């Protein structure tokens, strides 16, 4: 389990499926996500979960309350590309249920986990231009960059809308003011550097030390 300031992120369980079915059809979420599907119900959700658990390119996770463990939303990694060390990520939070700031907290946790535990180098997502909560959380608060725009790519509420492509690289995450806090939340405190023995050069001690990898409202994205 990953514990943030406001929420926890944990593996999705069968007991979450009723909530996730409601989340998928919630008006505050359904019209803001990029993907589209027919309305869903509880039937078939267990098979959906089993299929996702068998897919090596998908890791779905539940956003939960820290104190009660009750589900608040869904996040995870999709389209995991191990060769290029990249993945799609997204966050969906139930409107009116998650505390204010839960979207930012979830995004920071997922970035720290993806970059420092999973070993990825790049995360990407897509956001509809009218989805102000997601743009605020990803771009303004968490430092993601808008890399491009697909013109009139998504049909929503009877109209065509552009699609914004956003991404974050590990070095860009590393430059965020709160990055080290979230890395410690995911990985634990940084181990202190060993003190060189008398007569041992500082350069030698650095060379022999093990390397640490370079660290580079509703929310609904891809």
C-alpha atoms as a PDB file:
ATOM      1  CA  UNK A   1       0.000   0.000   0.000  1.00  0.00           C
ATOM      2  CA  UNK A   2       1.193   3.511  -0.849  1.00  0.00           C
ATOM      3  CA  UNK A   3       0.272   6.123   1.749  1.00  0.00           C
ATOM      4  CA  UNK A   4       0.062   9.769   0.746  1.00  0.00           C
ATOM      5  CA  UNK A   5      -0.953  12.849   2.683  1.00  0.00           C
ATOM      6  CA  UNK A   6      -4.676  12.365   2.065  1.00  0.00           C
ATOM      7  CA  UNK A   7      -5.201   9.020   0.355  1.00  0.00           C
ATOM      8  CA  UNK A   8      -3.740   5.552   0.030  1.00  0.00           C
ATOM      9  CA  UNK A   9      -3.250   3.573  -3.174  1.00  0.00           C
ATOM     10  CA  UNK A  10      -3.617  -0.195  -2.986  1.00  0.00           C
ATOM     11  CA  UNK A  11      -4.403  -3.191  -5.220  1.00  0.00           C
ATOM     12  CA  UNK A  12      -7.988  -3.363  -6.449  1.00  0.00           C
ATOM     13  CA  UNK A  13     -10.101  -6.007  -4.685  1.00  0.00           C
ATOM     14  CA  UNK A  14     -13.316  -7.824  -5.552  1.00  0.00           C
ATOM     15  CA  UNK A  15     -15.011  -5.865  -2.762  1.00  0.00           C
ATOM     16  CA  UNK A  16     -14.270  -2.632  -4.687  1.00  0.00           C
ATOM     17  CA  UNK A  17     -16.221  -3.682  -7.782  1.00  0.00           C
ATOM     18  CA  UNK A  18     -19.612  -2.259  -6.835  1.00  0.00           C
ATOM     19  CA  UNK A  19     -17.967   1.089  -6.180  1.00  0.00           C
ATOM     20  CA  UNK A  20     -15.980   0.960  -9.429  1.00  0.00           C
ATOM     21  CA  UNK A  21     -19.135   0.225 -11.430  1.00  0.00           C
ATOM     22  CA  UNK A  22     -20.770   3.302  -9.885  1.00  0.00           C
ATOM     23  CA  UNK A  23     -17.620   5.350 -10.573  1.00  0.00           C
ATOM     24  CA  UNK A  24     -17.643   4.419 -14.258  1.00  0.00           C
ATOM     25  CA  UNK A  25     -21.181   5.761 -14.773  1.00  0.00           C
ATOM     26  CA  UNK A  26     -21.000   8.801 -12.469  1.00  0.00           C
ATOM     27  CA  UNK A  27     -21.845  11.957 -14.472  1.00  0.00           C
ATOM     28  CA  UNK A  28     -18.942  13.913 -12.991  1.00  0.00           C
ATOM     29  CA  UNK A  29     -16.551  11.239 -14.256  1.00  0.00           C
ATOM     30  CA  UNK A  30     -18.107   9.699 -17.366  1.00  0.00           C
ATOM     31  CA  UNK A  31     -18.214  12.921 -19.383  1.00  0.00           C
ATOM     32  CA  UNK A  32     -14.661  13.941 -18.460  1.00  0.00           C
ATOM     33  CA  UNK A  33     -12.777  10.752 -19.275  1.00  0.00           C
ATOM     34  CA  UNK A  34     -11.268  10.375 -22.734  1.00  0.00           C
ATOM     35  CA  UNK A  35     -12.258   6.752 -23.274  1.00  0.00           C
ATOM     36  CA  UNK A  36     -15.877   5.775 -23.907  1.00  0.00           C
ATOM     37  CA  UNK A  37     -17.863   2.596 -23.352  1.00  0.00           C
ATOM     38  CA  UNK A  38     -21.429   1.427 -22.872  1.00  0.00           C
ATOM     39  CA  UNK A  39     -22.849   1.923 -19.367  1.00  0.00           C
ATOM     40  CA  UNK A  40     -21.794  -0.961 -17.145  1.00  0.00           C
ATOM     41  CA  UNK A  41     -23.197  -2.765 -14.123  1.00  0.00           C
ATOM     42  CA  UNK A  42     -21.915  -5.128 -11.454  1.00  0.00           C
ATOM     43  CA  UNK A  43     -22.354  -8.183 -13.697  1.00  0.00           C
ATOM     44  CA  UNK A  44     -19.113  -9.003 -15.457  1.00  0.00           C
ATOM     45  CA  UNK A  45     -16.953  -6.856 -13.214  1.00  0.00           C
ATOM     46  CA  UNK A  46     -15.171  -9.834 -11.640  1.00  0.00           C
ATOM     47  CA  UNK A  47     -14.120 -11.121 -15.054  1.00  0.00           C
ATOM     48  CA  UNK A  48     -12.973  -7.587 -15.956  1.00  0.00           C
ATOM     49  CA  UNK A  49     -10.784  -7.563 -12.849  1.00  0.00           C
ATOM     50  CA  UNK A  50      -9.360 -11.027 -13.540  1.00  0.00           C
ATOM     51  CA  UNK A  51      -8.496 -10.085 -17.109  1.00  0.00           C
ATOM     52  CA  UNK A  52      -6.717  -6.932 -16.009  1.00  0.00           C
ATOM     53  CA  UNK A  53      -4.760  -8.854 -13.383  1.00  0.00           C
ATOM     54  CA  UNK A  54      -3.532 -11.257 -16.077  1.00  0.00           C
ATOM     55  CA  UNK A  55      -2.445  -8.470 -18.439  1.00  0.00           C
ATOM     56  CA  UNK A  56       1.269  -7.617 -17.942  1.00  0.00           C
ATOM     57  CA  UNK A  57       0.730  -4.199 -19.544  1.00  0.00           C
ATOM     58  CA  UNK A  58      -1.944  -3.135 -17.022  1.00  0.00           C
ATOM     59  CA  UNK A  59      -1.852  -2.511 -13.294  1.00  0.00           C
ATOM     60  CA  UNK A  60      -5.125  -1.098 -11.932  1.00  0.00           C
ATOM     61  CA  UNK A  61      -5.083   0.285  -8.405  1.00  0.00           C
ATOM     62  CA  UNK A  62      -7.723   1.666  -6.040  1.00  0.00           C
ATOM     63  CA  UNK A  63      -7.481   5.091  -4.429  1.00  0.00           C
ATOM     64  CA  UNK A  64      -8.722   4.615  -0.844  1.00  0.00           C
ATOM     65  CA  UNK A  65      -9.271   6.612   2.332  1.00  0.00           C
ATOM     66  CA  UNK A  66      -6.231   6.424   4.607  1.00  0.00           C
ATOM     67  CA  UNK A  67      -8.268   5.953   7.798  1.00  0.00           C
ATOM     68  CA  UNK A  68     -11.123   3.678   6.633  1.00  0.00           C
ATOM     69  CA  UNK A  69      -9.669   1.979   3.503  1.00  0.00           C
ATOM     70  CA  UNK A  70     -12.935   2.754   1.695  1.00  0.00           C
ATOM     71  CA  UNK A  71     -12.510   3.199  -2.075  1.00  0.00           C
ATOM     72  CA  UNK A  72     -12.486   6.761  -3.399  1.00  0.00           C
ATOM     73  CA  UNK A  73     -11.364   6.249  -6.977  1.00  0.00           C
ATOM     74  CA  UNK A  74      -9.254   4.363  -9.495  1.00  0.00           C
ATOM     75  CA  UNK A  75      -5.716   4.873 -10.806  1.00  0.00           C
ATOM     76  CA  UNK A  76      -2.876   2.744 -12.102  1.00  0.00           C
ATOM     77  CA  UNK A  77      -0.645   2.128 -15.100  1.00  0.00           C
ATOM     78  CA  UNK A  78      -1.821   1.119 -18.567  1.00  0.00           C
ATOM     79  CA  UNK A  79       0.029   0.393 -21.834  1.00  0.00           C
ATOM     80  CA  UNK A  80       3.196  -0.423 -19.878  1.00  0.00           C
ATOM     81  CA  UNK A  81       6.114  -0.484 -22.324  1.00  0.00           C
ATOM     82  CA  UNK A  82       9.031  -2.202 -20.595  1.00  0.00           C
ATOM     83  CA  UNK A  83      11.469  -1.610 -23.462  1.00  0.00           C
ATOM     84  CA  UNK A  84      10.875   2.151 -23.581  1.00  0.00           C
ATOM     85  CA  UNK A  85      10.088   2.345 -19.852  1.00  0.00           C
ATOM     86  CA  UNK A  86       6.880   4.297 -20.268  1.00  0.00           C
ATOM     87  CA  UNK A  87       3.208   3.933 -19.352  1.00  0.00           C
ATOM     88  CA  UNK A  88      -0.147   5.624 -19.543  1.00  0.00           C
ATOM     89  CA  UNK A  89      -1.585   6.701 -16.186  1.00  0.00           C
ATOM     90  CA  UNK A  90      -4.892   8.245 -15.110  1.00  0.00           C
ATOM     91  CA  UNK A  91      -6.910   9.074 -12.011  1.00  0.00           C
ATOM     92  CA  UNK A  92     -10.681   8.882 -11.536  1.00  0.00           C
ATOM     93  CA  UNK A  93     -12.155  10.111  -8.248  1.00  0.00           C
ATOM     94  CA  UNK A  94     -15.783   9.920  -7.163  1.00  0.00           C
ATOM     95  CA  UNK A  95     -17.237  13.451  -7.078  1.00  0.00           C
ATOM     96  CA  UNK A  96     -18.080  14.648  -3.589  1.00  0.00           C
ATOM     97  CA  UNK A  97     -16.388  11.695  -1.890  1.00  0.00           C
ATOM     98  CA  UNK A  98     -12.632  12.236  -2.131  1.00  0.00           C
ATOM     99  CA  UNK A  99     -11.119  15.038   0.010  1.00  0.00           C
ATOM    100  CA  UNK A 100      -9.917  18.223  -1.630  1.00  0.00           C
ATOM    101  CA  UNK A 101      -6.377  17.679  -2.924  1.00  0.00           C
ATOM    102  CA  UNK A 102      -6.811  13.913  -3.324  1.00  0.00           C
ATOM    103  CA  UNK A 103      -6.149  14.120  -7.061  1.00  0.00           C
ATOM    104  CA  UNK A 104      -2.785  15.821  -6.613  1.00  0.00           C
ATOM    105  CA  UNK A 105      -1.866  13.431  -3.800  1.00  0.00           C
ATOM    106  CA  UNK A 106      -2.733  10.409  -5.978  1.00  0.00           C
ATOM    107  CA  UNK A 107      -0.752  11.706  -8.947  1.00  0.00           C
ATOM    108  CA  UNK A 108       2.346  12.384  -6.835  1.00  0.00           C
ATOM    109  CA  UNK A 109       2.164   8.893  -5.301  1.00  0.00           C
ATOM    110  CA  UNK A 110       1.794   7.200  -8.681  1.00  0.00           C
ATOM    111  CA  UNK A 111       4.715   9.165 -10.117  1.00  0.00           C
ATOM    112  CA  UNK A 112       7.015   8.301  -7.201  1.00  0.00           C
ATOM    113  CA  UNK A 113       5.999   4.634  -7.399  1.00  0.00           C
ATOM    114  CA  UNK A 114       6.306   4.416 -11.191  1.00  0.00           C
ATOM    115  CA  UNK A 115       9.690   6.149 -11.333  1.00  0.00           C
ATOM    116  CA  UNK A 116      11.313   4.601  -8.252  1.00  0.00           C
ATOM    117  CA  UNK A 117       9.712   1.208  -7.697  1.00  0.00           C
ATOM    118  CA  UNK A 118       8.552   0.148 -11.157  1.00  0.00           C
ATOM    119  CA  UNK A 119      11.548   1.728 -12.890  1.00  0.00           C
ATOM    120  CA  UNK A 120       9.776   3.736 -15.581  1.00  0.00           C
ATOM    121  CA  UNK A 121      11.223   6.809 -17.236  1.00  0.00           C
ATOM    122  CA  UNK A 122       8.143   8.488 -18.753  1.00  0.00           C
ATOM    123  CA  UNK A 123       4.442   8.738 -17.898  1.00  0.00           C
ATOM    124  CA  UNK A 124       1.815  10.058 -20.285  1.00  0.00           C
ATOM    125  CA  UNK A 125      -1.912  10.720 -20.349  1.00  0.00           C
ATOM    126  CA  UNK A 126      -4.635  12.562 -22.268  1.00  0.00           C
ATOM    127  CA  UNK A 127      -7.007  15.264 -20.992  1.00  0.00           C
ATOM    128  CA  UNK A 128     -10.018  16.988 -22.511  1.00  0.00           C
ATOM    129  CA  UNK A 129      -9.529  20.789 -22.605  1.00  0.00           C
ATOM    130  CA  UNK A 130     -12.743  21.449 -20.646  1.00  0.00           C
ATOM    131  CA  UNK A 131     -11.629  19.148 -17.801  1.00  0.00           C
ATOM    132  CA  UNK A 132     -10.344  21.930 -15.551  1.00  0.00           C
ATOM    133  CA  UNK A 133      -9.804  19.759 -12.426  1.00  0.00           C
ATOM    134  CA  UNK A 134      -7.487  17.369 -14.282  1.00  0.00           C
ATOM    135  CA  UNK A 135      -5.577  20.149 -16.017  1.00  0.00           C
ATOM    136  CA  UNK A 136      -5.125  21.902 -12.676  1.00  0.00           C
ATOM    137  CA  UNK A 137      -3.926  18.775 -10.891  1.00  0.00           C
ATOM    138  CA  UNK A 138      -1.614  17.397 -13.586  1.00  0.00           C
ATOM    139  CA  UNK A 139      -0.247  20.516 -15.261  1.00  0.00           C
ATOM    140  CA  UNK A 140      -0.436  23.312 -12.697  1.00  0.00           C
ATOM    141  CA  UNK A 141       0.154  21.396  -9.453  1.00  0.00           C
ATOM    142  CA  UNK A 142       2.168  18.348 -10.528  1.00  0.00           C
ATOM    143  CA  UNK A 143       4.279  19.862 -13.296  1.00  0.00           C
ATOM    144  CA  UNK A 144       3.130  17.801 -16.275  1.00  0.00           C
ATOM    145  CA  UNK A 145       3.739  19.301 -19.708  1.00  0.00           C
ATOM    146  CA  UNK A 146       1.282  19.586 -22.567  1.00  0.00           C
ATOM    147  CA  UNK A 147       3.065  17.959 -25.500  1.00  0.00           C
ATOM    148  CA  UNK A 148       0.448  18.206 -28.208  1.00  0.00           C
ATOM    149  CA  UNK A 149      -3.168  18.584 -29.285  1.00  0.00           C
ATOM    150  CA  UNK A 150      -5.256  16.198 -31.373  1.00  0.00           C
ATOM    151  CA  UNK A 151      -7.861  18.339 -33.118  1.00  0.00           C
ATOM    152  CA  UNK A 152     -11.529  17.310 -32.792  1.00  0.00           C
ATOM    153  CA  UNK A 153     -10.535  13.839 -31.649  1.00  0.00           C
ATOM    154  CA  UNK A 154     -13.225  13.129 -29.018  1.00  0.00           C
ATOM    155  CA  UNK A 155     -17.020  13.193 -29.369  1.00  0.00           C
ATOM    156  CA  UNK A 156     -18.714  14.309 -26.161  1.00  0.00           C
ATOM    157  CA  UNK A 157     -22.183  15.729 -25.429  1.00  0.00           C
ATOM    158  CA  UNK A 158     -22.939  15.946 -29.141  1.00  0.00           C
ATOM    159  CA  UNK A 159     -19.843  17.973 -30.005  1.00  0.00           C
ATOM    160  CA  UNK A 160     -16.286  17.312 -31.149  1.00  0.00           C
ATOM    161  CA  UNK A 161     -13.463  18.332 -28.818  1.00  0.00           C
ATOM    162  CA  UNK A 162      -9.696  18.556 -29.074  1.00  0.00           C
ATOM    163  CA  UNK A 163      -7.573  16.202 -26.995  1.00  0.00           C
ATOM    164  CA  UNK A 164      -4.524  17.362 -25.038  1.00  0.00           C
ATOM    165  CA  UNK A 165      -1.560  15.020 -24.691  1.00  0.00           C
ATOM    166  CA  UNK A 166       0.389  15.474 -21.451  1.00  0.00           C
ATOM    167  CA  UNK A 167       3.486  13.759 -20.059  1.00  0.00           C
ATOM    168  CA  UNK A 168       6.035  13.758 -17.264  1.00  0.00           C
ATOM    169  CA  UNK A 169       9.680  12.617 -17.355  1.00  0.00           C
ATOM    170  CA  UNK A 170      11.498  11.368 -14.286  1.00  0.00           C
ATOM    171  CA  UNK A 171      13.999  14.281 -14.195  1.00  0.00           C
ATOM    172  CA  UNK A 172      11.044  16.682 -14.280  1.00  0.00           C
ATOM    173  CA  UNK A 173       9.464  14.892 -11.347  1.00  0.00           C
ATOM    174  CA  UNK A 174      12.768  15.140  -9.507  1.00  0.00           C
ATOM    175  CA  UNK A 175      12.666  18.927  -9.836  1.00  0.00           C
ATOM    176  CA  UNK A 176       9.304  19.218  -8.020  1.00  0.00           C
ATOM    177  CA  UNK A 177       9.436  20.669  -4.515  1.00  0.00           C
ATOM    178  CA  UNK A 178       7.565  17.710  -2.960  1.00  0.00           C
ATOM    179  CA  UNK A 179       9.231  14.939  -4.958  1.00  0.00           C
ATOM    180  CA  UNK A 180      11.579  13.733  -2.211  1.00  0.00           C
ATOM    181  CA  UNK A 181       8.721  13.515   0.288  1.00  0.00           C
ATOM    182  CA  UNK A 182       6.737  11.230  -2.011  1.00  0.00           C
ATOM    183  CA  UNK A 183       9.765   9.109  -2.886  1.00  0.00           C
ATOM    184  CA  UNK A 184      10.249   8.526   0.839  1.00  0.00           C
ATOM    185  CA  UNK A 185       6.562   7.691   1.236  1.00  0.00           C
ATOM    186  CA  UNK A 186       6.979   5.011  -1.432  1.00  0.00           C
ATOM    187  CA  UNK A 187      10.552   3.794  -0.864  1.00  0.00           C
ATOM    188  CA  UNK A 188      11.384   4.822   2.699  1.00  0.00           C
ATOM    189  CA  UNK A 189      14.054   7.290   3.851  1.00  0.00           C
ATOM    190  CA  UNK A 190      17.216   7.635   1.826  1.00  0.00           C
ATOM    191  CA  UNK A 191      20.067   5.574   3.301  1.00  0.00           C
ATOM    192  CA  UNK A 192      22.884   7.765   4.690  1.00  0.00           C
ATOM    193  CA  UNK A 193      26.171   7.723   2.834  1.00  0.00           C
ATOM    194  CA  UNK A 194      28.860   5.711   4.665  1.00  0.00           C
ATOM    195  CA  UNK A 195      31.569   7.695   6.431  1.00  0.00           C
ATOM    196  CA  UNK A 196      34.980   7.115   4.797  1.00  0.00           C
ATOM    197  CA  UNK A 197      37.468   5.223   6.961  1.00  0.00           C
ATOM    198  CA  UNK A 198      40.616   7.092   8.046  1.00  0.00           C
ATOM    199  CA  UNK A 199      42.956   7.346   5.101  1.00  0.00           C
ATOM    200  CA  UNK A 200      40.307   6.344   2.585  1.00  0.00           C
ATOM    201  CA  UNK A 201      39.741   8.884  -0.187  1.00  0.00           C
ATOM    202  CA  UNK A 202      36.322  10.433  -0.611  1.00  0.00           C
ATOM    203  CA  UNK A 203      36.313   9.573  -4.307  1.00  0.00           C
ATOM    204  CA  UNK A 204      36.874   5.902  -3.593  1.00  0.00           C
ATOM    205  CA  UNK A 205      34.022   5.784  -1.116  1.00  0.00           C
ATOM    206  CA  UNK A 206      31.665   7.391  -3.589  1.00  0.00           C
ATOM    207  CA  UNK A 207      32.633   4.988  -6.346  1.00  0.00           C
ATOM    208  CA  UNK A 208      32.042   1.971  -4.125  1.00  0.00           C
ATOM    209  CA  UNK A 209      28.630   3.160  -2.880  1.00  0.00           C
ATOM    210  CA  UNK A 210      25.614   1.557  -4.551  1.00  0.00           C
ATOM    211  CA  UNK A 211      23.910   3.770  -7.110  1.00  0.00           C
ATOM    212  CA  UNK A 212      20.398   5.060  -6.597  1.00  0.00           C
ATOM    213  CA  UNK A 213      18.306   5.551  -9.752  1.00  0.00           C
ATOM    214  CA  UNK A 214      18.001   9.107 -11.063  1.00  0.00           C
ATOM    215  CA  UNK A 215      14.820  10.751  -9.830  1.00  0.00           C
ATOM    216  CA  UNK A 216      13.865  12.664 -12.182  1.00  0.00           C
ATOM    217  CA  UNK A 217     -13.814  18.433  -7.571  1.00  0.00           C
ATOM    218  CA  UNK A 218     -13.518  15.191  -9.650  1.00  0.00           C
ATOM    219  CA  UNK A 219     -10.420  14.098 -11.459  1.00  0.00           C
ATOM    220  CA  UNK A 220     -10.775  12.062 -14.629  1.00  0.00           C
ATOM    221  CA  UNK A 221      -8.218  11.585 -17.379  1.00  0.00           C
ATOM    222  CA  UNK A 222      -7.443   9.017 -20.023  1.00  0.00           C
END
